[in-house]
Amino acid sequence: MRTLLTVLTLGLLAGCNTMQGMGQDIQKGGQVISNTARDVANKF
């Protein structure tokens, strides 16, 4: 499990050239989670 987390983290960091880029990636991930939660809530 720790190895998987490390690989995913390194992949994320390799995809971003700057800390700003990493922040934008994290923000987009949060938006996806929020949108999915809202969609599920609207279905009930």
N, C-alpha and C. Protein backbone atom coordinates (compact mmCIF):
# COMPACT_ATOMS: atom_id res chain seq x y z
N MET A 1 0.83 -1.19 0.00
CA MET A 1 0.00 0.00 0.00
C MET A 1 0.87 1.25 0.00
N ARG A 2 1.90 1.25 0.80
CA ARG A 2 2.80 2.39 0.88
C ARG A 2 3.50 2.61 -0.45
N THR A 3 3.86 1.52 -1.12
CA THR A 3 4.53 1.63 -2.41
C THR A 3 3.60 2.25 -3.44
N LEU A 4 2.35 1.84 -3.45
CA LEU A 4 1.38 2.40 -4.39
C LEU A 4 1.21 3.89 -4.16
N LEU A 5 1.10 4.29 -2.91
CA LEU A 5 0.95 5.71 -2.58
C LEU A 5 2.18 6.50 -3.03
N THR A 6 3.34 5.94 -2.84
CA THR A 6 4.57 6.60 -3.26
C THR A 6 4.61 6.77 -4.77
N VAL A 7 4.26 5.73 -5.49
CA VAL A 7 4.26 5.79 -6.96
C VAL A 7 3.26 6.83 -7.46
N LEU A 8 2.08 6.85 -6.88
CA LEU A 8 1.07 7.83 -7.28
C LEU A 8 1.51 9.26 -6.98
N THR A 9 2.12 9.44 -5.84
CA THR A 9 2.61 10.77 -5.47
C THR A 9 3.71 11.23 -6.42
N LEU A 10 4.64 10.34 -6.73
CA LEU A 10 5.71 10.69 -7.66
C LEU A 10 5.15 11.00 -9.04
N GLY A 11 4.16 10.26 -9.47
CA GLY A 11 3.52 10.53 -10.76
C GLY A 11 2.86 11.90 -10.78
N LEU A 12 2.21 12.25 -9.69
CA LEU A 12 1.57 13.55 -9.58
C LEU A 12 2.62 14.66 -9.63
N LEU A 13 3.69 14.48 -8.89
CA LEU A 13 4.73 15.50 -8.86
C LEU A 13 5.45 15.62 -10.20
N ALA A 14 5.62 14.51 -10.88
CA ALA A 14 6.29 14.55 -12.19
C ALA A 14 5.42 15.26 -13.22
N GLY A 15 4.11 15.21 -13.05
CA GLY A 15 3.20 15.85 -13.99
C GLY A 15 3.11 17.36 -13.80
N CYS A 16 3.59 17.87 -12.69
CA CYS A 16 3.51 19.30 -12.41
C CYS A 16 4.93 19.87 -12.39
N ASN A 17 5.15 20.93 -13.11
CA ASN A 17 6.48 21.52 -13.13
C ASN A 17 6.71 22.45 -11.95
N THR A 18 5.64 22.95 -11.36
CA THR A 18 5.78 23.91 -10.26
C THR A 18 4.82 23.57 -9.15
N MET A 19 5.01 24.19 -8.03
CA MET A 19 4.07 24.01 -6.91
C MET A 19 2.70 24.58 -7.29
N GLN A 20 2.68 25.64 -8.08
CA GLN A 20 1.41 26.20 -8.53
C GLN A 20 0.67 25.18 -9.38
N GLY A 21 1.38 24.51 -10.25
CA GLY A 21 0.76 23.48 -11.08
C GLY A 21 0.20 22.36 -10.23
N MET A 22 0.93 21.97 -9.20
CA MET A 22 0.44 20.92 -8.31
C MET A 22 -0.81 21.38 -7.59
N GLY A 23 -0.82 22.64 -7.15
CA GLY A 23 -2.00 23.18 -6.48
C GLY A 23 -3.22 23.18 -7.40
N GLN A 24 -3.00 23.50 -8.66
CA GLN A 24 -4.10 23.49 -9.62
C GLN A 24 -4.62 22.08 -9.85
N ASP A 25 -3.71 21.11 -9.91
CA ASP A 25 -4.12 19.72 -10.07
C ASP A 25 -4.97 19.25 -8.89
N ILE A 26 -4.54 19.60 -7.70
CA ILE A 26 -5.27 19.21 -6.49
C ILE A 26 -6.64 19.89 -6.47
N GLN A 27 -6.68 21.16 -6.88
CA GLN A 27 -7.95 21.88 -6.91
C GLN A 27 -8.92 21.24 -7.90
N LYS A 28 -8.42 20.86 -9.06
CA LYS A 28 -9.29 20.21 -10.05
C LYS A 28 -9.81 18.88 -9.52
N GLY A 29 -8.97 18.14 -8.81
CA GLY A 29 -9.42 16.88 -8.21
C GLY A 29 -10.52 17.13 -7.19
N GLY A 30 -10.38 18.18 -6.40
CA GLY A 30 -11.41 18.53 -5.43
C GLY A 30 -12.71 18.92 -6.10
N GLN A 31 -12.62 19.62 -7.22
CA GLN A 31 -13.82 20.01 -7.95
C GLN A 31 -14.55 18.79 -8.49
N VAL A 32 -13.80 17.81 -8.97
CA VAL A 32 -14.42 16.58 -9.48
C VAL A 32 -15.16 15.86 -8.36
N ILE A 33 -14.54 15.78 -7.20
CA ILE A 33 -15.17 15.12 -6.05
C ILE A 33 -16.44 15.88 -5.65
N SER A 34 -16.36 17.20 -5.60
CA SER A 34 -17.54 18.01 -5.23
C SER A 34 -18.66 17.85 -6.24
N ASN A 35 -18.33 17.87 -7.51
CA ASN A 35 -19.35 17.72 -8.55
C ASN A 35 -20.01 16.35 -8.48
N THR A 36 -19.21 15.32 -8.23
CA THR A 36 -19.76 13.97 -8.13
C THR A 36 -20.68 13.85 -6.92
N ALA A 37 -20.27 14.41 -5.80
CA ALA A 37 -21.10 14.39 -4.59
C ALA A 37 -22.42 15.12 -4.83
N ARG A 38 -22.35 16.27 -5.51
CA ARG A 38 -23.56 17.03 -5.80
C ARG A 38 -24.49 16.24 -6.72
N ASP A 39 -23.93 15.60 -7.74
CA ASP A 39 -24.73 14.79 -8.66
C ASP A 39 -25.44 13.65 -7.94
N VAL A 40 -24.72 12.99 -7.06
CA VAL A 40 -25.31 11.88 -6.30
C VAL A 40 -26.42 12.40 -5.39
N ALA A 41 -26.18 13.54 -4.73
CA ALA A 41 -27.18 14.10 -3.85
C ALA A 41 -28.43 14.51 -4.62
N ASN A 42 -28.26 15.00 -5.83
CA ASN A 42 -29.41 15.43 -6.63
C ASN A 42 -30.26 14.24 -7.10
N LYS A 43 -29.67 13.06 -7.17
CA LYS A 43 -30.40 11.89 -7.60
C LYS A 43 -31.33 11.35 -6.51
N PHE A 44 -31.10 11.76 -5.27
CA PHE A 44 -31.93 11.25 -4.17
C PHE A 44 -33.03 12.19 -3.84
